[in-house]
């Protein structure tokens, strides 16, 4: 916050059959923001994706935007 960094961290997150995030890979982003973005995404809970009514594991693209200029 003191450095007032701004930017977007783009990641791929694996969502389990129960809706929890099991893996996060950073695709791009400022190195000083990456750890905070990954930590935030790991705490999120999703509605599981379904195929023919059955929950499946799936990968999604996630962006976390930081705006510390305010």
PDB file of N, CA and C in Angstrom:
ATOM      1  N   UNK A   1       0.809  -1.195   0.000  1.00  0.00           N
ATOM      2  CA  UNK A   1       0.000   0.000   0.000  1.00  0.00           C
ATOM      3  C   UNK A   1       0.850   1.254   0.000  1.00  0.00           C
ATOM      4  N   UNK A   2       1.940   1.219   0.753  1.00  0.00           N
ATOM      5  CA  UNK A   2       2.770   2.417   0.836  1.00  0.00           C
ATOM      6  C   UNK A   2       3.408   2.749  -0.507  1.00  0.00           C
ATOM      7  N   UNK A   3       3.620   1.738  -1.339  1.00  0.00           N
ATOM      8  CA  UNK A   3       4.204   1.980  -2.658  1.00  0.00           C
ATOM      9  C   UNK A   3       3.136   2.365  -3.679  1.00  0.00           C
ATOM     10  N   UNK A   4       1.859   2.225  -3.306  1.00  0.00           N
ATOM     11  CA  UNK A   4       0.734   2.558  -4.180  1.00  0.00           C
ATOM     12  C   UNK A   4       0.816   1.865  -5.534  1.00  0.00           C
ATOM     13  N   UNK A   5       1.099   0.578  -5.504  1.00  0.00           N
ATOM     14  CA  UNK A   5       1.166  -0.203  -6.737  1.00  0.00           C
ATOM     15  C   UNK A   5      -0.233  -0.442  -7.291  1.00  0.00           C
ATOM     16  N   UNK A   6      -0.349  -0.366  -8.581  1.00  0.00           N
ATOM     17  CA  UNK A   6      -1.581  -0.671  -9.283  1.00  0.00           C
ATOM     18  C   UNK A   6      -1.290  -1.751 -10.300  1.00  0.00           C
ATOM     19  N   UNK A   7      -2.292  -2.520 -10.627  1.00  0.00           N
ATOM     20  CA  UNK A   7      -2.110  -3.505 -11.673  1.00  0.00           C
ATOM     21  C   UNK A   7      -3.085  -4.651 -11.551  1.00  0.00           C
ATOM     22  N   UNK A   8      -2.975  -5.546 -12.496  1.00  0.00           N
ATOM     23  CA  UNK A   8      -3.834  -6.719 -12.563  1.00  0.00           C
ATOM     24  C   UNK A   8      -2.969  -7.957 -12.550  1.00  0.00           C
ATOM     25  N   UNK A   9      -3.367  -8.927 -11.745  1.00  0.00           N
ATOM     26  CA  UNK A   9      -2.708 -10.228 -11.727  1.00  0.00           C
ATOM     27  C   UNK A   9      -3.661 -11.211 -12.399  1.00  0.00           C
ATOM     28  N   UNK A  10      -3.182 -11.867 -13.438  1.00  0.00           N
ATOM     29  CA  UNK A  10      -3.980 -12.848 -14.174  1.00  0.00           C
ATOM     30  C   UNK A  10      -3.507 -14.238 -13.797  1.00  0.00           C
ATOM     31  N   UNK A  11      -4.469 -15.106 -13.475  1.00  0.00           N
ATOM     32  CA  UNK A  11      -4.147 -16.450 -12.992  1.00  0.00           C
ATOM     33  C   UNK A  11      -5.065 -17.489 -13.623  1.00  0.00           C
ATOM     34  N   UNK A  12      -4.656 -18.743 -13.503  1.00  0.00           N
ATOM     35  CA  UNK A  12      -5.520 -19.885 -13.802  1.00  0.00           C
ATOM     36  C   UNK A  12      -5.723 -20.603 -12.481  1.00  0.00           C
ATOM     37  N   UNK A  13      -6.993 -20.804 -12.113  1.00  0.00           N
ATOM     38  CA  UNK A  13      -7.321 -21.476 -10.856  1.00  0.00           C
ATOM     39  C   UNK A  13      -8.046 -22.782 -11.163  1.00  0.00           C
ATOM     40  N   UNK A  14      -7.679 -23.826 -10.459  1.00  0.00           N
ATOM     41  CA  UNK A  14      -8.377 -25.110 -10.591  1.00  0.00           C
ATOM     42  C   UNK A  14      -9.443 -25.192  -9.513  1.00  0.00           C
ATOM     43  N   UNK A  15     -10.687 -25.426  -9.955  1.00  0.00           N
ATOM     44  CA  UNK A  15     -11.822 -25.537  -9.055  1.00  0.00           C
ATOM     45  C   UNK A  15     -12.173 -27.017  -8.924  1.00  0.00           C
ATOM     46  N   UNK A  16     -12.230 -27.490  -7.671  1.00  0.00           N
ATOM     47  CA  UNK A  16     -12.501 -28.912  -7.425  1.00  0.00           C
ATOM     48  C   UNK A  16     -13.988 -29.222  -7.581  1.00  0.00           C
ATOM     49  N   UNK A  17     -14.322 -30.486  -7.453  1.00  0.00           N
ATOM     50  CA  UNK A  17     -15.713 -30.928  -7.528  1.00  0.00           C
ATOM     51  C   UNK A  17     -16.550 -30.374  -6.382  1.00  0.00           C
ATOM     52  N   UNK A  18     -15.882 -29.949  -5.304  1.00  0.00           N
ATOM     53  CA  UNK A  18     -16.605 -29.383  -4.163  1.00  0.00           C
ATOM     54  C   UNK A  18     -16.649 -27.854  -4.203  1.00  0.00           C
ATOM     55  N   UNK A  19     -15.980 -27.238  -5.184  1.00  0.00           N
ATOM     56  CA  UNK A  19     -16.000 -25.787  -5.332  1.00  0.00           C
ATOM     57  C   UNK A  19     -14.833 -25.061  -4.686  1.00  0.00           C
ATOM     58  N   UNK A  20     -13.894 -25.805  -4.109  1.00  0.00           N
ATOM     59  CA  UNK A  20     -12.726 -25.157  -3.517  1.00  0.00           C
ATOM     60  C   UNK A  20     -11.633 -24.963  -4.571  1.00  0.00           C
ATOM     61  N   UNK A  21     -10.791 -23.984  -4.336  1.00  0.00           N
ATOM     62  CA  UNK A  21      -9.662 -23.725  -5.230  1.00  0.00           C
ATOM     63  C   UNK A  21      -8.515 -24.615  -4.777  1.00  0.00           C
ATOM     64  N   UNK A  22      -8.053 -25.496  -5.665  1.00  0.00           N
ATOM     65  CA  UNK A  22      -7.003 -26.443  -5.299  1.00  0.00           C
ATOM     66  C   UNK A  22      -5.638 -26.085  -5.856  1.00  0.00           C
ATOM     67  N   UNK A  23      -5.598 -25.222  -6.872  1.00  0.00           N
ATOM     68  CA  UNK A  23      -4.320 -24.859  -7.486  1.00  0.00           C
ATOM     69  C   UNK A  23      -4.477 -23.499  -8.146  1.00  0.00           C
ATOM     70  N   UNK A  24      -3.448 -22.675  -8.029  1.00  0.00           N
ATOM     71  CA  UNK A  24      -3.455 -21.357  -8.677  1.00  0.00           C
ATOM     72  C   UNK A  24      -2.102 -21.151  -9.339  1.00  0.00           C
ATOM     73  N   UNK A  25      -2.116 -20.825 -10.620  1.00  0.00           N
ATOM     74  CA  UNK A  25      -0.900 -20.505 -11.371  1.00  0.00           C
ATOM     75  C   UNK A  25      -1.005 -19.080 -11.888  1.00  0.00           C
ATOM     76  N   UNK A  26       0.011 -18.266 -11.617  1.00  0.00           N
ATOM     77  CA  UNK A  26       0.042 -16.887 -12.098  1.00  0.00           C
ATOM     78  C   UNK A  26       0.490 -16.883 -13.551  1.00  0.00           C
ATOM     79  N   UNK A  27      -0.266 -16.202 -14.389  1.00  0.00           N
ATOM     80  CA  UNK A  27       0.087 -16.044 -15.801  1.00  0.00           C
ATOM     81  C   UNK A  27       0.861 -14.752 -15.993  1.00  0.00           C
ATOM     82  N   UNK A  28       0.348 -13.668 -15.384  1.00  0.00           N
ATOM     83  CA  UNK A  28       1.037 -12.380 -15.491  1.00  0.00           C
ATOM     84  C   UNK A  28       0.633 -11.497 -14.325  1.00  0.00           C
ATOM     85  N   UNK A  29       1.493 -10.545 -14.023  1.00  0.00           N
ATOM     86  CA  UNK A  29       1.213  -9.599 -12.952  1.00  0.00           C
ATOM     87  C   UNK A  29       2.506  -9.092 -12.343  1.00  0.00           C
ATOM     88  N   UNK A  30       2.376  -8.022 -11.587  1.00  0.00           N
ATOM     89  CA  UNK A  30       3.534  -7.441 -10.914  1.00  0.00           C
ATOM     90  C   UNK A  30       4.000  -8.389  -9.808  1.00  0.00           C
ATOM     91  N   UNK A  31       5.274  -8.702  -9.740  1.00  0.00           N
ATOM     92  CA  UNK A  31       5.770  -9.646  -8.736  1.00  0.00           C
ATOM     93  C   UNK A  31       5.402  -9.289  -7.295  1.00  0.00           C
ATOM     94  N   UNK A  32       5.271  -8.010  -7.000  1.00  0.00           N
ATOM     95  CA  UNK A  32       4.940  -7.616  -5.632  1.00  0.00           C
ATOM     96  C   UNK A  32       3.445  -7.775  -5.322  1.00  0.00           C
ATOM     97  N   UNK A  33       2.628  -8.007  -6.334  1.00  0.00           N
ATOM     98  CA  UNK A  33       1.188  -8.192  -6.142  1.00  0.00           C
ATOM     99  C   UNK A  33       0.759  -9.657  -6.236  1.00  0.00           C
ATOM    100  N   UNK A  34       1.587 -10.480  -6.840  1.00  0.00           N
ATOM    101  CA  UNK A  34       1.211 -11.868  -7.120  1.00  0.00           C
ATOM    102  C   UNK A  34       0.820 -12.659  -5.871  1.00  0.00           C
ATOM    103  N   UNK A  35       1.602 -12.583  -4.824  1.00  0.00           N
ATOM    104  CA  UNK A  35       1.328 -13.387  -3.625  1.00  0.00           C
ATOM    105  C   UNK A  35      -0.010 -13.006  -2.994  1.00  0.00           C
ATOM    106  N   UNK A  36      -0.320 -11.722  -2.941  1.00  0.00           N
ATOM    107  CA  UNK A  36      -1.590 -11.280  -2.367  1.00  0.00           C
ATOM    108  C   UNK A  36      -2.764 -11.747  -3.218  1.00  0.00           C
ATOM    109  N   UNK A  37      -2.605 -11.702  -4.527  1.00  0.00           N
ATOM    110  CA  UNK A  37      -3.678 -12.149  -5.424  1.00  0.00           C
ATOM    111  C   UNK A  37      -3.922 -13.649  -5.276  1.00  0.00           C
ATOM    112  N   UNK A  38      -2.857 -14.427  -5.242  1.00  0.00           N
ATOM    113  CA  UNK A  38      -2.990 -15.882  -5.086  1.00  0.00           C
ATOM    114  C   UNK A  38      -3.641 -16.203  -3.742  1.00  0.00           C
ATOM    115  N   UNK A  39      -3.230 -15.533  -2.688  1.00  0.00           N
ATOM    116  CA  UNK A  39      -3.822 -15.780  -1.362  1.00  0.00           C
ATOM    117  C   UNK A  39      -5.311 -15.473  -1.361  1.00  0.00           C
ATOM    118  N   UNK A  40      -5.715 -14.414  -2.019  1.00  0.00           N
ATOM    119  CA  UNK A  40      -7.136 -14.060  -2.083  1.00  0.00           C
ATOM    120  C   UNK A  40      -7.923 -15.121  -2.833  1.00  0.00           C
ATOM    121  N   UNK A  41      -7.420 -15.537  -3.983  1.00  0.00           N
ATOM    122  CA  UNK A  41      -8.142 -16.519  -4.797  1.00  0.00           C
ATOM    123  C   UNK A  41      -8.254 -17.861  -4.072  1.00  0.00           C
ATOM    124  N   UNK A  42      -7.242 -18.251  -3.339  1.00  0.00           N
ATOM    125  CA  UNK A  42      -7.290 -19.529  -2.596  1.00  0.00           C
ATOM    126  C   UNK A  42      -8.395 -19.544  -1.537  1.00  0.00           C
ATOM    127  N   UNK A  43      -8.815 -18.376  -1.059  1.00  0.00           N
ATOM    128  CA  UNK A  43      -9.873 -18.300  -0.039  1.00  0.00           C
ATOM    129  C   UNK A  43     -11.278 -18.361  -0.641  1.00  0.00           C
ATOM    130  N   UNK A  44     -11.393 -18.132  -1.932  1.00  0.00           N
ATOM    131  CA  UNK A  44     -12.707 -18.076  -2.567  1.00  0.00           C
ATOM    132  C   UNK A  44     -13.334 -19.460  -2.663  1.00  0.00           C
ATOM    133  N   UNK A  45     -14.648 -19.492  -2.668  1.00  0.00           N
ATOM    134  CA  UNK A  45     -15.415 -20.731  -2.811  1.00  0.00           C
ATOM    135  C   UNK A  45     -16.340 -20.555  -4.015  1.00  0.00           C
ATOM    136  N   UNK A  46     -16.378 -21.550  -4.878  1.00  0.00           N
ATOM    137  CA  UNK A  46     -17.171 -21.498  -6.094  1.00  0.00           C
ATOM    138  C   UNK A  46     -18.275 -22.536  -6.065  1.00  0.00           C
ATOM    139  N   UNK A  47     -19.313 -22.293  -6.842  1.00  0.00           N
ATOM    140  CA  UNK A  47     -20.304 -23.323  -7.134  1.00  0.00           C
ATOM    141  C   UNK A  47     -19.615 -24.272  -8.113  1.00  0.00           C
ATOM    142  N   UNK A  48     -19.576 -25.578  -7.822  1.00  0.00           N
ATOM    143  CA  UNK A  48     -18.858 -26.492  -8.717  1.00  0.00           C
ATOM    144  C   UNK A  48     -19.448 -26.490 -10.130  1.00  0.00           C
ATOM    145  N   UNK A  49     -18.588 -26.636 -11.103  1.00  0.00           N
ATOM    146  CA  UNK A  49     -19.035 -26.792 -12.478  1.00  0.00           C
ATOM    147  C   UNK A  49     -19.663 -28.171 -12.614  1.00  0.00           C
ATOM    148  N   UNK A  50     -20.665 -28.280 -13.498  1.00  0.00           N
ATOM    149  CA  UNK A  50     -21.345 -29.559 -13.657  1.00  0.00           C
ATOM    150  C   UNK A  50     -21.378 -29.967 -15.119  1.00  0.00           C
ATOM    151  N   UNK A  51     -21.269 -31.271 -15.331  1.00  0.00           N
ATOM    152  CA  UNK A  51     -21.387 -31.865 -16.648  1.00  0.00           C
ATOM    153  C   UNK A  51     -22.395 -32.996 -16.519  1.00  0.00           C
ATOM    154  N   UNK A  52     -23.486 -32.889 -17.243  1.00  0.00           N
ATOM    155  CA  UNK A  52     -24.578 -33.872 -17.150  1.00  0.00           C
ATOM    156  C   UNK A  52     -25.071 -34.016 -15.714  1.00  0.00           C
ATOM    157  N   UNK A  53     -25.058 -32.902 -14.967  1.00  0.00           N
ATOM    158  CA  UNK A  53     -25.557 -32.894 -13.606  1.00  0.00           C
ATOM    159  C   UNK A  53     -24.563 -33.313 -12.535  1.00  0.00           C
ATOM    160  N   UNK A  54     -23.386 -33.776 -12.958  1.00  0.00           N
ATOM    161  CA  UNK A  54     -22.366 -34.213 -11.996  1.00  0.00           C
ATOM    162  C   UNK A  54     -21.276 -33.154 -11.862  1.00  0.00           C
ATOM    163  N   UNK A  55     -20.853 -32.857 -10.617  1.00  0.00           N
ATOM    164  CA  UNK A  55     -19.768 -31.876 -10.440  1.00  0.00           C
ATOM    165  C   UNK A  55     -18.475 -32.377 -11.071  1.00  0.00           C
ATOM    166  N   UNK A  56     -17.744 -31.433 -11.689  1.00  0.00           N
ATOM    167  CA  UNK A  56     -16.459 -31.778 -12.309  1.00  0.00           C
ATOM    168  C   UNK A  56     -15.405 -30.764 -11.874  1.00  0.00           C
ATOM    169  N   UNK A  57     -14.157 -31.183 -11.976  1.00  0.00           N
ATOM    170  CA  UNK A  57     -13.022 -30.287 -11.745  1.00  0.00           C
ATOM    171  C   UNK A  57     -12.837 -29.464 -13.007  1.00  0.00           C
ATOM    172  N   UNK A  58     -12.504 -28.172 -12.837  1.00  0.00           N
ATOM    173  CA  UNK A  58     -12.384 -27.305 -13.996  1.00  0.00           C
ATOM    174  C   UNK A  58     -11.369 -26.205 -13.724  1.00  0.00           C
ATOM    175  N   UNK A  59     -10.728 -25.707 -14.773  1.00  0.00           N
ATOM    176  CA  UNK A  59      -9.802 -24.585 -14.672  1.00  0.00           C
ATOM    177  C   UNK A  59     -10.498 -23.329 -15.180  1.00  0.00           C
ATOM    178  N   UNK A  60     -10.280 -22.209 -14.475  1.00  0.00           N
ATOM    179  CA  UNK A  60     -10.846 -20.935 -14.904  1.00  0.00           C
ATOM    180  C   UNK A  60      -9.757 -19.864 -14.896  1.00  0.00           C
ATOM    181  N   UNK A  61      -9.963 -18.840 -15.696  1.00  0.00           N
ATOM    182  CA  UNK A  61      -9.074 -17.678 -15.689  1.00  0.00           C
ATOM    183  C   UNK A  61      -9.633 -16.668 -14.697  1.00  0.00           C
ATOM    184  N   UNK A  62      -8.759 -16.109 -13.872  1.00  0.00           N
ATOM    185  CA  UNK A  62      -9.158 -15.156 -12.843  1.00  0.00           C
ATOM    186  C   UNK A  62      -8.256 -13.935 -12.941  1.00  0.00           C
ATOM    187  N   UNK A  63      -8.851 -12.758 -12.824  1.00  0.00           N
ATOM    188  CA  UNK A  63      -8.080 -11.520 -12.754  1.00  0.00           C
ATOM    189  C   UNK A  63      -8.376 -10.833 -11.425  1.00  0.00           C
ATOM    190  N   UNK A  64      -7.334 -10.388 -10.740  1.00  0.00           N
ATOM    191  CA  UNK A  64      -7.485  -9.596  -9.526  1.00  0.00           C
ATOM    192  C   UNK A  64      -6.873  -8.241  -9.815  1.00  0.00           C
ATOM    193  N   UNK A  65      -7.693  -7.198  -9.636  1.00  0.00           N
ATOM    194  CA  UNK A  65      -7.262  -5.836  -9.935  1.00  0.00           C
ATOM    195  C   UNK A  65      -6.885  -5.114  -8.646  1.00  0.00           C
ATOM    196  N   UNK A  66      -5.743  -4.481  -8.649  1.00  0.00           N
ATOM    197  CA  UNK A  66      -5.274  -3.685  -7.513  1.00  0.00           C
ATOM    198  C   UNK A  66      -5.271  -2.228  -7.921  1.00  0.00           C
ATOM    199  N   UNK A  67      -5.854  -1.386  -7.077  1.00  0.00           N
ATOM    200  CA  UNK A  67      -5.859   0.053  -7.308  1.00  0.00           C
ATOM    201  C   UNK A  67      -5.575   0.731  -5.970  1.00  0.00           C
ATOM    202  N   UNK A  68      -4.307   0.959  -5.684  1.00  0.00           N
ATOM    203  CA  UNK A  68      -3.895   1.529  -4.409  1.00  0.00           C
ATOM    204  C   UNK A  68      -3.637   3.027  -4.497  1.00  0.00           C
ATOM    205  N   UNK A  69      -4.001   3.650  -5.598  1.00  0.00           N
ATOM    206  CA  UNK A  69      -3.717   5.064  -5.804  1.00  0.00           C
ATOM    207  C   UNK A  69      -4.594   5.963  -4.952  1.00  0.00           C
ATOM    208  N   UNK A  70      -5.647   5.447  -4.407  1.00  0.00           N
ATOM    209  CA  UNK A  70      -6.588   6.275  -3.636  1.00  0.00           C
ATOM    210  C   UNK A  70      -6.145   6.459  -2.220  1.00  0.00           C
TER     211      UNK A  70
END
